[in-house]
Amino acid sequence: MAEVDLPRGLLARLQVPEYLRAFYSGRLGYVRFRGVLLLSGAFGVFRTDIVREIGGFSTDNITEDFELVMRLHRRLTDTDRDYRISFVPEPIVWTEVPTSLAGVRGQRSRWYRGLLQTIRRYRHMIGNPTYGRAGWFMLPVFVLAELIGPLVEGSVTLSSASGSLASLAWSSLRPTFCLQSGSASCSRG
């Protein structure tokens, strides 16, 4: 590595650990389970022939990267093909992040709406052993973690502010944190 060039703005810098956690903990854990569900639009590289076969990116979904990976899982499993969707941590790619609170709010709102849209479209895969580890294990964990994520973050914020709810919030959320850390710990070898 020649140099580290962090963003200049505080809000952009605060997003660096979040992106690193998502890529290096979550996605590496998913690889170990052969259940990668999401590849960032900024980082994704796909076999063109297979993407063309399934009709390319969806024009009616606001999180096209997530939807594409889910559609690949469905199509390749439904056609009984041996396949692997993976995450390779070595490449370094830069992406632009929102630099204002309004921008972050808009981005996260879009991500959440896209999550709901994609989950609704592929709900038949959740917990379904037909779709391998991605369907029966990783998808339920991912949905649980992502759907309640805003509730967890809101609860932690309120707990921190009030102090009186802290023990209740942490003890009630322990199972979710265990599931998330379980996939992350698998990436350590």
C-alpha atoms as a PDB file:
ATOM      1  CA  MET A   1       0.000   0.000   0.000  1.00  0.00           C
ATOM      2  CA  ALA A   2       1.505   3.315  -1.050  1.00  0.00           C
ATOM      3  CA  GLU A   3      -0.713   5.628   0.967  1.00  0.00           C
ATOM      4  CA  VAL A   4      -3.975   5.939   2.827  1.00  0.00           C
ATOM      5  CA  ASP A   5      -6.127   8.761   1.587  1.00  0.00           C
ATOM      6  CA  LEU A   6      -9.160   9.163   3.829  1.00  0.00           C
ATOM      7  CA  PRO A   7     -12.039  11.461   2.961  1.00  0.00           C
ATOM      8  CA  ARG A   8     -11.687  15.044   4.134  1.00  0.00           C
ATOM      9  CA  GLY A   9     -15.162  15.540   5.615  1.00  0.00           C
ATOM     10  CA  LEU A  10     -16.118  14.150   9.024  1.00  0.00           C
ATOM     11  CA  LEU A  11     -19.355  12.535   7.818  1.00  0.00           C
ATOM     12  CA  ALA A  12     -17.553  10.746   4.988  1.00  0.00           C
ATOM     13  CA  ARG A  13     -14.818   9.575   7.406  1.00  0.00           C
ATOM     14  CA  LEU A  14     -17.435   8.172   9.761  1.00  0.00           C
ATOM     15  CA  GLN A  15     -18.686   5.919   6.958  1.00  0.00           C
ATOM     16  CA  VAL A  16     -15.272   4.302   6.363  1.00  0.00           C
ATOM     17  CA  PRO A  17     -15.505   1.826   9.295  1.00  0.00           C
ATOM     18  CA  GLU A  18     -19.068   0.954   8.290  1.00  0.00           C
ATOM     19  CA  TYR A  19     -18.039   0.084   4.743  1.00  0.00           C
ATOM     20  CA  LEU A  20     -15.002  -1.864   5.974  1.00  0.00           C
ATOM     21  CA  ARG A  21     -17.186  -3.848   8.386  1.00  0.00           C
ATOM     22  CA  ALA A  22     -19.717  -4.623   5.661  1.00  0.00           C
ATOM     23  CA  PHE A  23     -17.101  -5.757   3.161  1.00  0.00           C
ATOM     24  CA  TYR A  24     -14.539  -7.497   5.332  1.00  0.00           C
ATOM     25  CA  SER A  25     -16.680  -8.998   8.073  1.00  0.00           C
ATOM     26  CA  GLY A  26     -20.078  -9.612   6.533  1.00  0.00           C
ATOM     27  CA  ARG A  27     -19.194 -10.559   2.988  1.00  0.00           C
ATOM     28  CA  LEU A  28     -16.211 -12.726   3.915  1.00  0.00           C
ATOM     29  CA  GLY A  29     -18.461 -14.591   6.349  1.00  0.00           C
ATOM     30  CA  TYR A  30     -21.024 -15.111   3.602  1.00  0.00           C
ATOM     31  CA  VAL A  31     -18.291 -16.540   1.336  1.00  0.00           C
ATOM     32  CA  ARG A  32     -17.428 -19.175   3.950  1.00  0.00           C
ATOM     33  CA  PHE A  33     -21.049 -20.328   3.892  1.00  0.00           C
ATOM     34  CA  ARG A  34     -21.303 -20.119   0.077  1.00  0.00           C
ATOM     35  CA  GLY A  35     -24.110 -17.673   0.600  1.00  0.00           C
ATOM     36  CA  VAL A  36     -23.046 -14.275  -0.756  1.00  0.00           C
ATOM     37  CA  LEU A  37     -26.248 -12.280  -1.154  1.00  0.00           C
ATOM     38  CA  LEU A  38     -24.994  -8.835  -2.011  1.00  0.00           C
ATOM     39  CA  LEU A  39     -22.100  -7.478  -4.014  1.00  0.00           C
ATOM     40  CA  SER A  40     -21.685  -3.746  -4.038  1.00  0.00           C
ATOM     41  CA  GLY A  41     -22.565  -2.031  -7.277  1.00  0.00           C
ATOM     42  CA  ALA A  42     -19.217  -0.238  -7.070  1.00  0.00           C
ATOM     43  CA  PHE A  43     -17.273  -3.503  -6.709  1.00  0.00           C
ATOM     44  CA  GLY A  44     -19.271  -6.131  -8.596  1.00  0.00           C
ATOM     45  CA  VAL A  45     -17.781  -8.057 -11.511  1.00  0.00           C
ATOM     46  CA  PHE A  46     -20.018 -10.626 -13.172  1.00  0.00           C
ATOM     47  CA  ARG A  47     -19.811 -13.093 -16.039  1.00  0.00           C
ATOM     48  CA  THR A  48     -21.422 -11.243 -18.904  1.00  0.00           C
ATOM     49  CA  ASP A  49     -22.929 -14.350 -20.511  1.00  0.00           C
ATOM     50  CA  ILE A  50     -24.839 -15.270 -17.355  1.00  0.00           C
ATOM     51  CA  VAL A  51     -25.995 -11.707 -16.667  1.00  0.00           C
ATOM     52  CA  ARG A  52     -27.281 -11.483 -20.249  1.00  0.00           C
ATOM     53  CA  GLU A  53     -28.979 -14.853 -19.880  1.00  0.00           C
ATOM     54  CA  ILE A  54     -31.037 -13.565 -16.944  1.00  0.00           C
ATOM     55  CA  GLY A  55     -31.890 -10.291 -18.666  1.00  0.00           C
ATOM     56  CA  GLY A  56     -29.269  -7.952 -17.206  1.00  0.00           C
ATOM     57  CA  PHE A  57     -29.912  -5.475 -14.442  1.00  0.00           C
ATOM     58  CA  SER A  58     -33.526  -5.001 -13.444  1.00  0.00           C
ATOM     59  CA  THR A  59     -34.877  -1.591 -14.389  1.00  0.00           C
ATOM     60  CA  ASP A  60     -37.728  -1.763 -11.880  1.00  0.00           C
ATOM     61  CA  ASN A  61     -35.661  -2.303  -8.724  1.00  0.00           C
ATOM     62  CA  ILE A  62     -33.924   0.481  -6.809  1.00  0.00           C
ATOM     63  CA  THR A  63     -31.151  -1.754  -5.438  1.00  0.00           C
ATOM     64  CA  GLU A  64     -30.168  -3.424  -8.670  1.00  0.00           C
ATOM     65  CA  ASP A  65     -26.974  -4.963  -7.267  1.00  0.00           C
ATOM     66  CA  PHE A  66     -28.818  -6.905  -4.544  1.00  0.00           C
ATOM     67  CA  GLU A  67     -31.626  -7.891  -6.910  1.00  0.00           C
ATOM     68  CA  LEU A  68     -29.149  -9.142  -9.524  1.00  0.00           C
ATOM     69  CA  VAL A  69     -27.380 -11.440  -7.047  1.00  0.00           C
ATOM     70  CA  MET A  70     -30.699 -12.799  -5.779  1.00  0.00           C
ATOM     71  CA  ARG A  71     -31.856 -13.438  -9.346  1.00  0.00           C
ATOM     72  CA  LEU A  72     -28.570 -15.201 -10.113  1.00  0.00           C
ATOM     73  CA  HIS A  73     -29.038 -17.480  -7.099  1.00  0.00           C
ATOM     74  CA  ARG A  74     -32.607 -18.253  -8.146  1.00  0.00           C
ATOM     75  CA  ARG A  75     -31.905 -18.859 -11.832  1.00  0.00           C
ATOM     76  CA  LEU A  76     -28.742 -20.893 -11.392  1.00  0.00           C
ATOM     77  CA  THR A  77     -30.337 -23.048  -8.699  1.00  0.00           C
ATOM     78  CA  ASP A  78     -33.607 -23.477 -10.613  1.00  0.00           C
ATOM     79  CA  THR A  79     -31.655 -24.634 -13.685  1.00  0.00           C
ATOM     80  CA  ASP A  80     -29.608 -27.029 -11.518  1.00  0.00           C
ATOM     81  CA  ARG A  81     -26.252 -25.459 -12.343  1.00  0.00           C
ATOM     82  CA  ASP A  82     -23.173 -25.616 -10.183  1.00  0.00           C
ATOM     83  CA  TYR A  83     -22.112 -22.040  -9.458  1.00  0.00           C
ATOM     84  CA  ARG A  84     -20.296 -19.834  -7.006  1.00  0.00           C
ATOM     85  CA  ILE A  85     -20.853 -16.183  -6.138  1.00  0.00           C
ATOM     86  CA  SER A  86     -17.894 -14.874  -4.216  1.00  0.00           C
ATOM     87  CA  PHE A  87     -16.346 -11.781  -2.696  1.00  0.00           C
ATOM     88  CA  VAL A  88     -12.643 -11.112  -3.241  1.00  0.00           C
ATOM     89  CA  PRO A  89     -11.223  -8.715  -0.626  1.00  0.00           C
ATOM     90  CA  GLU A  90      -7.915  -7.801  -2.303  1.00  0.00           C
ATOM     91  CA  PRO A  91      -9.028  -5.250  -4.932  1.00  0.00           C
ATOM     92  CA  ILE A  92      -9.126  -1.656  -3.767  1.00  0.00           C
ATOM     93  CA  VAL A  93     -11.876   0.428  -5.281  1.00  0.00           C
ATOM     94  CA  TRP A  94     -12.980   3.901  -4.281  1.00  0.00           C
ATOM     95  CA  THR A  95     -16.601   4.919  -4.112  1.00  0.00           C
ATOM     96  CA  GLU A  96     -18.228   8.224  -3.328  1.00  0.00           C
ATOM     97  CA  VAL A  97     -20.258   8.418  -0.150  1.00  0.00           C
ATOM     98  CA  PRO A  98     -22.808  11.039   0.829  1.00  0.00           C
ATOM     99  CA  THR A  99     -21.235  14.052   2.509  1.00  0.00           C
ATOM    100  CA  SER A 100     -24.368  15.553   4.055  1.00  0.00           C
ATOM    101  CA  LEU A 101     -26.880  14.192   6.536  1.00  0.00           C
ATOM    102  CA  ALA A 102     -29.616  14.598   3.944  1.00  0.00           C
ATOM    103  CA  GLY A 103     -27.523  12.589   1.479  1.00  0.00           C
ATOM    104  CA  VAL A 104     -26.903   9.792   4.000  1.00  0.00           C
ATOM    105  CA  ARG A 105     -30.586   9.736   4.936  1.00  0.00           C
ATOM    106  CA  GLY A 106     -31.585   9.533   1.259  1.00  0.00           C
ATOM    107  CA  GLN A 107     -29.055   6.788   0.522  1.00  0.00           C
ATOM    108  CA  ARG A 108     -30.062   4.673   3.514  1.00  0.00           C
ATOM    109  CA  SER A 109     -33.747   5.173   2.799  1.00  0.00           C
ATOM    110  CA  ARG A 110     -33.181   3.983  -0.777  1.00  0.00           C
ATOM    111  CA  TRP A 111     -31.180   0.980   0.453  1.00  0.00           C
ATOM    112  CA  TYR A 112     -33.920   0.024   2.910  1.00  0.00           C
ATOM    113  CA  ARG A 113     -36.726   0.428   0.370  1.00  0.00           C
ATOM    114  CA  GLY A 114     -34.701  -1.635  -2.114  1.00  0.00           C
ATOM    115  CA  LEU A 115     -34.124  -4.298   0.522  1.00  0.00           C
ATOM    116  CA  LEU A 116     -37.863  -4.544   1.147  1.00  0.00           C
ATOM    117  CA  GLN A 117     -38.588  -4.574  -2.586  1.00  0.00           C
ATOM    118  CA  THR A 118     -36.064  -7.347  -3.277  1.00  0.00           C
ATOM    119  CA  ILE A 119     -37.043  -9.435  -0.249  1.00  0.00           C
ATOM    120  CA  ARG A 120     -40.688  -9.224  -1.284  1.00  0.00           C
ATOM    121  CA  ARG A 121     -39.772 -10.379  -4.812  1.00  0.00           C
ATOM    122  CA  TYR A 122     -37.656 -13.316  -3.591  1.00  0.00           C
ATOM    123  CA  ARG A 123     -39.547 -14.198  -0.397  1.00  0.00           C
ATOM    124  CA  HIS A 124     -40.016 -17.780  -1.631  1.00  0.00           C
ATOM    125  CA  MET A 125     -36.245 -18.278  -1.220  1.00  0.00           C
ATOM    126  CA  ILE A 126     -36.138 -17.315   2.490  1.00  0.00           C
ATOM    127  CA  GLY A 127     -35.471 -20.436   4.541  1.00  0.00           C
ATOM    128  CA  ASN A 128     -35.876 -22.623   1.454  1.00  0.00           C
ATOM    129  CA  PRO A 129     -33.292 -25.449   1.356  1.00  0.00           C
ATOM    130  CA  THR A 130     -33.742 -25.719  -2.419  1.00  0.00           C
ATOM    131  CA  TYR A 131     -31.571 -22.598  -2.672  1.00  0.00           C
ATOM    132  CA  GLY A 132     -28.697 -24.088  -0.704  1.00  0.00           C
ATOM    133  CA  ARG A 133     -26.980 -22.262   2.107  1.00  0.00           C
ATOM    134  CA  ALA A 134     -27.922 -18.933   0.586  1.00  0.00           C
ATOM    135  CA  GLY A 135     -31.618 -19.753   0.892  1.00  0.00           C
ATOM    136  CA  TRP A 136     -31.974 -21.812   4.028  1.00  0.00           C
ATOM    137  CA  PHE A 137     -29.410 -20.063   6.236  1.00  0.00           C
ATOM    138  CA  MET A 138     -27.818 -16.849   4.993  1.00  0.00           C
ATOM    139  CA  LEU A 139     -30.964 -15.225   3.622  1.00  0.00           C
ATOM    140  CA  PRO A 140     -32.950 -15.585   6.870  1.00  0.00           C
ATOM    141  CA  VAL A 141     -29.991 -14.242   8.895  1.00  0.00           C
ATOM    142  CA  PHE A 142     -29.481 -11.384   6.435  1.00  0.00           C
ATOM    143  CA  VAL A 143     -33.166 -10.442   6.404  1.00  0.00           C
ATOM    144  CA  LEU A 144     -33.387 -10.561  10.186  1.00  0.00           C
ATOM    145  CA  ALA A 145     -30.258  -8.451  10.623  1.00  0.00           C
ATOM    146  CA  GLU A 146     -31.082  -5.912   7.906  1.00  0.00           C
ATOM    147  CA  LEU A 147     -34.776  -5.502   8.632  1.00  0.00           C
ATOM    148  CA  ILE A 148     -34.279  -4.954  12.339  1.00  0.00           C
ATOM    149  CA  GLY A 149     -31.043  -2.991  11.884  1.00  0.00           C
ATOM    150  CA  PRO A 150     -32.775   0.395  12.017  1.00  0.00           C
ATOM    151  CA  LEU A 151     -34.649  -0.732  15.138  1.00  0.00           C
ATOM    152  CA  VAL A 152     -31.382  -1.839  16.756  1.00  0.00           C
ATOM    153  CA  GLU A 153     -29.672   1.431  15.913  1.00  0.00           C
ATOM    154  CA  GLY A 154     -32.644   3.440  17.145  1.00  0.00           C
ATOM    155  CA  SER A 155     -32.833   1.417  20.366  1.00  0.00           C
ATOM    156  CA  VAL A 156     -29.129   1.846  21.025  1.00  0.00           C
ATOM    157  CA  THR A 157     -29.396   5.579  20.419  1.00  0.00           C
ATOM    158  CA  LEU A 158     -32.360   5.897  22.767  1.00  0.00           C
ATOM    159  CA  SER A 159     -30.708   3.637  25.339  1.00  0.00           C
ATOM    160  CA  SER A 160     -27.549   5.678  25.268  1.00  0.00           C
ATOM    161  CA  ALA A 161     -29.530   8.864  25.655  1.00  0.00           C
ATOM    162  CA  SER A 162     -31.690   7.623  28.499  1.00  0.00           C
ATOM    163  CA  GLY A 163     -29.393   5.125  30.199  1.00  0.00           C
ATOM    164  CA  SER A 164     -32.355   3.358  31.793  1.00  0.00           C
ATOM    165  CA  LEU A 165     -33.158   1.222  28.757  1.00  0.00           C
ATOM    166  CA  ALA A 166     -29.588   0.086  28.125  1.00  0.00           C
ATOM    167  CA  SER A 167     -29.716  -3.307  29.811  1.00  0.00           C
ATOM    168  CA  LEU A 168     -33.106  -4.142  28.310  1.00  0.00           C
ATOM    169  CA  ALA A 169     -32.048  -3.162  24.789  1.00  0.00           C
ATOM    170  CA  TRP A 170     -28.771  -5.071  24.852  1.00  0.00           C
ATOM    171  CA  SER A 171     -30.169  -8.241  26.402  1.00  0.00           C
ATOM    172  CA  SER A 172     -33.113  -8.369  23.999  1.00  0.00           C
ATOM    173  CA  LEU A 173     -30.855  -7.885  20.973  1.00  0.00           C
ATOM    174  CA  ARG A 174     -28.156 -10.381  21.974  1.00  0.00           C
ATOM    175  CA  PRO A 175     -29.433 -13.177  19.651  1.00  0.00           C
ATOM    176  CA  THR A 176     -29.211 -10.882  16.624  1.00  0.00           C
ATOM    177  CA  PHE A 177     -25.686  -9.789  17.493  1.00  0.00           C
ATOM    178  CA  CYS A 178     -24.671 -13.433  17.960  1.00  0.00           C
ATOM    179  CA  LEU A 179     -25.974 -14.332  14.499  1.00  0.00           C
ATOM    180  CA  GLN A 180     -24.164 -11.400  12.915  1.00  0.00           C
ATOM    181  CA  SER A 181     -20.900 -12.012  14.729  1.00  0.00           C
ATOM    182  CA  GLY A 182     -21.114 -15.708  13.901  1.00  0.00           C
ATOM    183  CA  SER A 183     -20.852 -15.030  10.195  1.00  0.00           C
ATOM    184  CA  ALA A 184     -18.089 -12.491  10.779  1.00  0.00           C
ATOM    185  CA  SER A 185     -16.043 -14.836  12.961  1.00  0.00           C
ATOM    186  CA  CYS A 186     -16.123 -17.513  10.280  1.00  0.00           C
ATOM    187  CA  SER A 187     -14.125 -15.216   8.009  1.00  0.00           C
ATOM    188  CA  ARG A 188     -11.163 -15.295  10.375  1.00  0.00           C
ATOM    189  CA  GLY A 189     -10.261 -18.828   9.460  1.00  0.00           C
END
